[in-house]
Protein backbone atom coordinates (compact mmCIF):
# COMPACT_ATOMS: atom_id res chain seq x y z
CA MET A 1 46.33 -43.11 -23.11
CA THR A 2 46.82 -45.70 -26.04
CA PHE A 3 45.17 -46.60 -29.13
CA ALA A 4 44.22 -49.98 -27.88
CA ARG A 5 42.62 -48.39 -24.89
CA TRP A 6 40.34 -45.68 -26.69
CA GLN A 7 39.56 -47.47 -29.71
CA PRO A 8 36.66 -49.50 -28.42
CA ARG A 9 35.26 -46.46 -26.68
CA TYR A 10 34.95 -44.65 -29.92
CA ALA A 11 33.78 -47.70 -31.73
CA GLU A 12 30.76 -47.88 -29.41
CA HIS A 13 29.83 -44.64 -30.83
CA GLY A 14 30.37 -45.71 -34.36
CA VAL A 15 33.72 -43.99 -34.80
CA ALA A 16 36.59 -45.70 -36.55
CA LEU A 17 39.98 -44.70 -34.91
CA ILE A 18 43.28 -44.79 -36.71
CA PRO A 19 46.58 -45.08 -34.76
CA CYS A 20 48.86 -41.90 -35.63
CA SER A 21 52.42 -41.05 -34.93
CA PRO A 22 52.96 -37.97 -32.49
CA GLU A 23 53.64 -35.85 -35.51
CA LYS A 24 49.95 -36.74 -36.37
CA ARG A 25 50.62 -39.00 -39.39
CA PRO A 26 48.66 -42.11 -39.87
CA LEU A 27 50.43 -45.56 -38.96
CA VAL A 28 48.39 -47.62 -41.54
CA GLU A 29 48.09 -47.49 -45.22
CA HIS A 30 44.75 -46.33 -46.72
CA PRO A 31 43.58 -44.98 -43.20
CA GLN A 32 40.46 -43.28 -44.66
CA LEU A 33 38.87 -46.74 -45.83
CA PHE A 34 38.87 -48.12 -42.30
CA GLY A 35 35.59 -48.96 -40.42
CA CYS A 36 35.03 -49.84 -36.96
CA ARG A 37 35.71 -53.59 -37.73
CA GLY A 38 38.95 -52.99 -39.43
CA SER A 39 39.89 -50.65 -36.63
CA THR A 40 39.45 -52.99 -33.97
CA GLU A 41 41.33 -55.64 -35.64
CA ILE A 42 44.50 -53.66 -35.77
CA ALA A 43 44.14 -52.35 -32.27
CA ALA A 44 45.17 -56.12 -31.13
CA LYS A 45 48.38 -55.74 -33.11
CA PRO A 46 51.40 -54.69 -31.04
CA LYS A 47 52.59 -52.28 -33.61
CA PHE A 48 49.54 -50.29 -33.27
CA ALA A 49 48.35 -51.20 -29.86
CA ASN A 50 50.42 -48.62 -27.93
CA ALA A 51 50.06 -45.39 -30.20
CA THR A 52 49.61 -42.54 -28.14
CA ALA A 53 47.92 -40.53 -30.94
CA PHE A 54 44.96 -41.40 -32.79
CA GLY A 55 42.23 -39.65 -34.68
CA PHE A 56 39.08 -40.36 -37.18
CA TYR A 57 38.64 -39.47 -40.93
CA ALA A 58 35.78 -36.87 -41.10
CA GLY A 59 32.96 -37.26 -43.78
CA PRO A 60 30.07 -39.78 -44.73
CA ARG A 61 31.85 -42.94 -42.96
CA SER A 62 32.40 -41.27 -39.56
CA ARG A 63 29.32 -38.94 -39.81
CA LEU A 64 31.41 -36.18 -38.32
CA THR A 65 32.49 -32.70 -39.44
CA VAL A 66 35.08 -30.75 -37.42
CA LEU A 67 34.96 -26.87 -37.23
CA ASP A 68 38.63 -26.15 -36.57
CA VAL A 69 39.27 -23.07 -34.78
CA ASP A 70 42.96 -22.61 -35.18
CA THR A 71 43.75 -20.11 -32.55
CA THR A 72 43.58 -20.22 -28.61
CA ASP A 73 41.27 -17.08 -28.32
CA GLU A 74 38.05 -18.66 -26.96
CA ARG A 75 35.84 -15.66 -28.24
CA VAL A 76 36.57 -16.82 -31.98
CA LEU A 77 35.29 -20.12 -30.99
CA ARG A 78 32.14 -18.71 -29.27
CA ASP A 79 31.74 -16.24 -32.23
CA ALA A 80 31.84 -19.25 -34.81
CA MET A 81 29.20 -21.24 -32.81
CA ASP A 82 26.91 -18.38 -32.73
CA ARG A 83 27.15 -18.33 -36.54
CA HIS A 84 26.92 -21.98 -37.21
CA GLY A 85 25.03 -23.30 -34.28
CA PRO A 86 26.01 -24.63 -30.63
CA THR A 87 27.37 -28.24 -30.45
CA PRO A 88 27.79 -30.20 -27.05
CA LEU A 89 31.00 -31.39 -27.71
CA ILE A 90 34.16 -29.26 -27.97
CA THR A 91 37.78 -30.49 -27.95
CA ARG A 92 41.20 -28.64 -27.13
CA THR A 93 43.93 -29.49 -29.57
CA GLY A 94 47.59 -30.37 -28.28
CA SER A 95 48.62 -26.41 -29.19
CA GLY A 96 45.54 -25.14 -27.06
CA LYS A 97 43.22 -24.47 -30.10
CA PHE A 98 39.87 -25.88 -30.66
CA HIS A 99 37.75 -28.63 -32.51
CA ALA A 100 33.99 -28.25 -32.31
CA LEU A 101 32.19 -31.37 -33.63
CA TYR A 102 29.08 -31.65 -35.61
CA ARG A 103 27.26 -34.20 -37.68
CA HIS A 104 28.53 -34.27 -41.13
CA SER A 105 25.85 -33.12 -43.72
CA GLY A 106 28.07 -33.22 -46.99
CA GLU A 107 30.53 -30.32 -45.96
CA LYS A 108 33.92 -30.37 -47.99
CA ARG A 109 37.43 -29.89 -46.59
CA SER A 110 37.53 -26.38 -46.59
CA ILE A 111 40.65 -24.41 -45.52
CA ARG A 112 40.33 -20.78 -44.42
CA PRO A 113 36.85 -20.40 -46.34
CA TRP A 114 36.55 -16.93 -44.41
CA LYS A 115 39.90 -15.57 -45.28
CA ALA A 116 38.35 -12.39 -46.50
CA GLN A 117 37.01 -11.70 -42.87
CA ASP A 118 40.56 -12.95 -41.53
CA LEU A 119 38.98 -15.75 -39.29
CA PRO A 120 41.37 -18.68 -38.57
CA ILE A 121 38.74 -21.36 -39.00
CA ASP A 122 38.78 -24.64 -41.31
CA VAL A 123 35.69 -26.70 -42.17
CA LEU A 124 36.90 -30.26 -42.00
CA GLY A 125 34.31 -32.30 -43.89
CA ALA A 126 37.13 -34.80 -44.90
CA GLY A 127 40.47 -35.75 -43.85
CA LEU A 128 42.18 -36.60 -40.62
CA ALA A 129 41.20 -35.19 -37.16
CA ILE A 130 43.09 -36.12 -34.05
CA VAL A 131 41.06 -36.86 -31.10
CA PRO A 132 41.21 -36.68 -27.28
CA PRO A 133 43.01 -38.12 -24.99
CA SER A 134 45.68 -38.30 -27.79
CA VAL A 135 49.27 -37.29 -26.92
CA THR A 136 51.15 -35.73 -29.74
CA ALA A 137 54.41 -33.97 -30.31
CA ASN A 138 52.60 -30.50 -29.73
CA GLY A 139 50.83 -31.76 -26.29
CA ASN A 140 47.61 -33.35 -25.12
CA TYR A 141 44.17 -33.17 -26.67
CA GLN A 142 41.32 -33.07 -24.20
CA ILE A 143 37.41 -32.75 -24.16
CA ILE A 144 36.57 -29.33 -22.85
CA GLU A 145 32.74 -29.50 -23.09
CA GLY A 146 30.69 -32.59 -23.19
CA SER A 147 31.63 -36.29 -23.65
CA LEU A 148 32.03 -38.97 -26.05
CA ASP A 149 28.40 -40.04 -25.36
CA ASP A 150 27.58 -36.60 -27.09
CA LEU A 151 28.73 -38.21 -30.41
CA ARG A 152 25.25 -39.62 -30.57
CA ARG A 153 23.37 -36.29 -30.75
CA LEU A 154 25.59 -33.85 -32.46
CA PRO A 155 23.75 -31.30 -34.59
CA VAL A 156 24.76 -30.47 -38.21
CA MET A 157 26.57 -27.22 -38.86
CA ARG A 158 24.36 -24.15 -39.77
CA GLY A 159 25.10 -20.98 -41.69
CA LEU A 160 27.36 -22.18 -44.29
CA ASP A 161 27.59 -21.11 -47.82
CA ALA A 162 26.77 -23.55 -50.74
CA GLY A 163 30.22 -23.67 -51.90
CA LEU A 164 31.55 -25.32 -48.72
CA TYR A 165 29.26 -28.51 -49.56
CA TYR A 166 29.66 -31.00 -52.09
CA SER A 167 26.21 -30.73 -53.35
CA ARG A 168 23.48 -29.08 -51.44
CA LYS A 169 21.43 -25.76 -51.15
CA PRO A 170 22.84 -23.01 -48.47
CA SER A 171 22.02 -23.74 -44.80
CA PRO A 172 20.30 -21.04 -43.26
CA SER A 173 22.08 -18.88 -40.60
CA PRO A 174 21.20 -19.71 -37.07
CA THR A 175 18.84 -17.31 -35.07
CA PRO A 176 19.83 -18.09 -31.30
CA SER A 177 16.86 -15.56 -30.17
CA SER A 178 14.39 -17.37 -32.33
CA PRO A 179 15.18 -20.98 -32.41
CA LYS A 180 13.43 -23.27 -34.81
CA PRO A 181 9.96 -24.26 -33.13
CA TRP A 182 9.68 -27.81 -32.13
CA ALA A 183 7.07 -28.88 -34.52
CA GLU A 184 9.11 -27.99 -37.34
CA MET A 185 12.21 -29.78 -36.66
CA ARG A 186 13.66 -32.97 -38.39
CA GLU A 187 16.76 -34.48 -38.92
CA GLY A 188 19.78 -32.17 -39.44
CA SER A 189 17.95 -29.43 -37.27
CA GLY A 190 19.37 -29.80 -33.99
CA ARG A 191 16.46 -32.33 -32.94
CA ASN A 192 18.66 -34.77 -31.07
CA TYR A 193 20.20 -32.15 -28.88
CA LYS A 194 16.87 -30.20 -28.31
CA MET A 195 15.31 -33.75 -27.12
CA PHE A 196 18.40 -34.40 -24.98
CA ALA A 197 18.27 -31.15 -23.28
CA HIS A 198 14.59 -31.21 -22.40
CA LEU A 199 14.58 -34.53 -21.19
CA GLY A 200 17.52 -33.66 -19.12
CA ARG A 201 15.52 -30.95 -17.53
CA GLU A 202 12.51 -33.09 -17.00
CA ALA A 203 14.35 -36.12 -15.59
CA HIS A 204 14.53 -34.38 -12.34
CA HIS A 205 10.84 -34.96 -11.83
CA CYS A 206 10.56 -38.58 -13.21
CA ASP A 207 10.60 -41.44 -10.93
CA ASP A 208 12.04 -43.83 -12.95
CA PHE A 209 13.46 -44.75 -16.30
CA GLU A 210 10.18 -46.11 -17.77
CA GLN A 211 8.31 -42.78 -16.86
CA LEU A 212 11.12 -40.61 -18.72
CA LEU A 213 11.01 -43.01 -21.82
CA ASP A 214 7.15 -42.58 -21.95
CA ARG A 215 7.72 -38.82 -21.69
CA ALA A 216 10.03 -39.15 -24.60
CA LYS A 217 7.94 -41.00 -26.78
CA THR A 218 5.07 -38.51 -26.41
CA LEU A 219 7.44 -35.53 -27.25
CA ASN A 220 8.84 -37.27 -30.17
CA GLU A 221 5.66 -37.53 -31.86
CA GLU A 222 5.59 -33.61 -31.80
CA PHE A 223 8.38 -33.32 -34.24
CA ALA A 224 7.99 -32.77 -37.75
CA GLU A 225 9.95 -35.75 -38.60
CA PRO A 226 10.03 -38.22 -35.43
CA MET A 227 13.14 -40.16 -34.49
CA ALA A 228 13.52 -43.75 -34.46
CA GLU A 229 12.39 -45.49 -31.19
CA ALA A 230 16.01 -46.91 -30.82
CA GLU A 231 17.35 -43.46 -31.11
CA ILE A 232 14.75 -42.19 -28.51
CA THR A 233 15.74 -45.05 -26.28
CA GLY A 234 19.40 -44.44 -26.41
CA ILE A 235 19.01 -40.65 -25.43
CA VAL A 236 16.69 -41.75 -22.52
CA ARG A 237 19.21 -44.33 -21.27
CA SER A 238 21.98 -41.45 -21.33
CA ILE A 239 19.77 -38.93 -19.54
CA TRP A 240 18.95 -41.51 -16.86
CA LYS A 241 22.31 -42.67 -16.20
CA TYR A 242 23.55 -39.03 -15.50
CA THR A 243 20.49 -38.62 -13.46
CA SER A 244 20.82 -41.77 -11.33
CA GLU A 245 24.49 -40.86 -10.68
CA GLY A 246 23.86 -37.28 -9.72
CA ARG A 247 25.52 -35.82 -12.86
CA ASN A 248 22.44 -34.34 -14.55
CA ARG A 249 22.92 -30.65 -14.27
CA PHE A 250 20.19 -29.72 -16.95
CA GLY A 251 18.55 -26.76 -15.28
CA GLN A 252 20.37 -27.06 -12.29
CA HIS A 253 23.14 -24.70 -10.95
CA GLY A 254 25.27 -24.81 -7.52
CA SER A 255 27.86 -26.57 -5.88
CA TRP A 256 28.13 -29.32 -3.77
CA LEU A 257 30.99 -30.69 -1.52
CA PRO A 258 31.08 -33.69 0.77
CA LYS A 259 31.40 -33.59 4.46
CA ALA A 260 35.10 -34.30 4.55
CA ASP A 261 36.08 -31.49 2.09
CA VAL A 262 33.87 -28.63 3.96
CA ASP A 263 35.62 -30.21 7.39
CA ALA A 264 39.08 -29.86 5.85
CA LEU A 265 38.43 -26.31 4.60
CA ILE A 266 36.16 -24.62 7.26
CA ALA A 267 39.37 -23.18 8.82
CA GLU A 268 40.19 -21.50 5.34
CA PRO A 269 36.93 -19.72 4.37
CA PHE A 270 38.33 -17.93 1.39
CA THR A 271 39.55 -21.18 0.20
CA LEU A 272 36.24 -22.82 0.69
CA ALA A 273 34.34 -19.70 -1.00
CA LEU A 274 36.67 -19.84 -4.06
CA LEU A 275 36.32 -23.74 -4.35
CA ASP A 276 32.27 -23.35 -4.05
CA HIS A 277 32.30 -20.51 -6.73
CA LEU A 278 34.20 -22.72 -9.29
CA GLN A 279 32.48 -25.78 -8.84
CA ALA A 280 29.11 -23.79 -9.16
CA HIS A 281 30.13 -22.25 -12.61
CA ASN A 282 32.38 -24.90 -14.12
CA GLY A 283 31.42 -28.53 -15.13
CA ARG A 284 34.17 -31.35 -14.55
CA ASP A 285 35.39 -30.90 -18.15
CA SER A 286 35.48 -27.21 -18.16
CA THR A 287 38.54 -24.69 -18.44
CA PHE A 288 38.53 -21.50 -16.45
CA TRP A 289 40.15 -18.29 -15.29
CA ILE A 290 41.00 -17.29 -11.67
CA ALA A 291 41.64 -13.52 -12.16
CA ASP A 292 43.04 -11.74 -9.21
CA GLY A 293 40.38 -9.00 -10.16
CA LEU A 294 37.67 -11.39 -8.47
CA ALA A 295 38.74 -10.25 -5.26
CA ASP A 296 37.69 -6.64 -5.89
CA VAL A 297 34.36 -7.75 -7.33
CA TRP A 298 33.60 -9.84 -4.20
CA GLY A 299 35.04 -7.21 -1.64
CA TRP A 300 38.17 -9.34 -0.69
CA PRO A 301 41.25 -8.42 0.52
CA ARG A 302 43.49 -8.58 -2.46
CA ARG A 303 45.95 -10.95 -1.32
CA LYS A 304 43.18 -13.59 -0.36
CA LEU A 305 42.24 -14.56 -3.93
CA PRO A 306 45.77 -15.66 -4.87
CA GLU A 307 46.23 -17.21 -1.66
CA ALA A 308 43.05 -19.37 -1.86
CA ARG A 309 43.99 -20.08 -5.60
CA GLU A 310 47.55 -21.24 -4.45
CA ARG A 311 45.89 -23.81 -1.90
CA LEU A 312 43.60 -25.16 -4.15
CA ILE A 313 46.68 -25.72 -6.37
CA LYS A 314 48.55 -27.53 -3.55
CA ALA A 315 45.71 -29.54 -2.57
CA GLY A 316 45.37 -30.93 -5.97
CA ARG A 317 41.84 -29.51 -6.56
CA ILE A 318 42.94 -27.48 -9.66
CA ILE A 319 45.77 -27.38 -12.19
CA ARG A 320 46.85 -24.23 -14.26
CA ILE A 321 47.30 -25.29 -18.15
CA GLY A 322 47.72 -22.06 -19.43
CA ARG A 323 50.40 -19.08 -18.47
CA PRO A 324 48.83 -15.61 -18.14
CA ARG A 325 49.76 -13.05 -20.96
CA PRO A 326 48.74 -9.51 -21.60
CA GLY A 327 45.01 -9.27 -21.50
CA HIS A 328 44.45 -12.83 -20.31
CA PRO A 329 44.70 -14.43 -16.95
CA ALA A 330 46.08 -17.69 -16.55
CA LEU A 331 43.91 -20.85 -17.39
CA TYR A 332 43.05 -23.59 -15.27
CA ARG A 333 40.90 -26.98 -15.23
CA TRP A 334 39.94 -29.34 -12.44
CA HIS A 335 42.40 -32.07 -11.03
CA ALA A 336 41.27 -35.61 -12.70
CA PRO A 337 39.55 -37.48 -9.70
């Protein structure tokens, strides 16, 4: 997890990484002026290559804005996205807090703009933001929803007051129950993600890449402001890659286990059932709870849930990443394959 390894991966998506110290300080002068070319050049220098922390500068150059949720409470994160619109890419910071990434649309760097409502949230439209999989003095950064491919299709943050922008009219609040009609969508209205999700569902019924691309071009013409052909092709290529690799979960719910895993766990039906349940409800980058109370919900003997959970930990299936505390069960994630 070094700067030299991850710099080219972010550069593929137009994001210029900057090497940082474990205390999250840039290791170069004038870091906000670096583009992908300059970032690539310093990645080859020994003094920067092995840096284990790195980030980007939010704003027009990176085309990224970060909603910085400065708490470990996931409810605050979900409430924030209800107000400002969903995004496919969410990361967890080294201290267990959250960054939700959006397409930059003129936002300022605003610290605690909702202080009156006591919301521990910042809008980072400028300045440094550390990214996964950095290792800092506070811990490891990780992606908990989405992937780097989602950098190409981030929506614009909604529902911000005019004072949080350098110069623009206030953005309307999102209305999840009444999404913007397809025919009214244009750049900045969540158009890319809308197309990505729609094609993700349709890809299950397409025979090949060309058929899905043809469908995408047809749908694109229905937008108020169609996307460029190269952008459409990039979305289709990503969707078809997910589909051909069996990783397209749009419109799909369930669990799949290879025969060897089933055979290994068949003598432990509670462990097998718990593993199936976790896979059906949590993606590979998800974090999740496995509360003892599930035993009551499922009608299991009370001791069977913790026993099954412990077997999955010992088998290297899951990892506990957060200790339980009053009102909050322990937090888990999948073990990296």
